[in-house]
Amino acid sequence: MTENPLAQAASLIEQAFTAISDNPDPLAALLVLEGVSRQVDRAKVAAIAAVERDGTLSEKGYRTTVAGLKDLLGWDHETSRRHVTVAEHVGPRVALDGEPLEPVLPATAAAFADGAACGHHRRADELPAGLPDQSRGSGLDRGQPR
């Protein structure tokens, strides 16, 4: 029987972390880990955007994506809310007709996708509500760190 692709990926990730941990050069290991961390950030944003867009957590009985993330991932409310807000602003979007849409903050999304921005560079959680899109991107879209 063929193993689930996610189970295969988890096994490969475990093997990779063992190889990184066993590396005698801690600086090289740190650089690899930072690259992996940025990839994980991108993957989480994409997954949260998909869960939000598809209503996956609503189908499972959660009132909001934030509540679902809190429960399933063990995150506190603020962490869950921040991740959802970031996914809404830099994650992939799709129109009602299925046509792909540009992210709300395209330059930040591009920096995030290229690995130039990472988890601590995300500031979409600080956006004031009700601002037009061009105002929202003022500091964020330049990829300014906190």
Foldseek 3Di string as FASTA:
>chain_A
DDDDPVVVVVVVVVVVVVVLVPDPDVVVSVVVVLLVQLVVQLVLLQVLLCCQQVVVVVVVPDPHQLVVCCVPVVDDSVVSLLSNQLSQAQNWDADPVRHTDAGLLNQLNVCSVVSVAGDQLRDSVVADPPDPSVVRNPVSSVSDGD
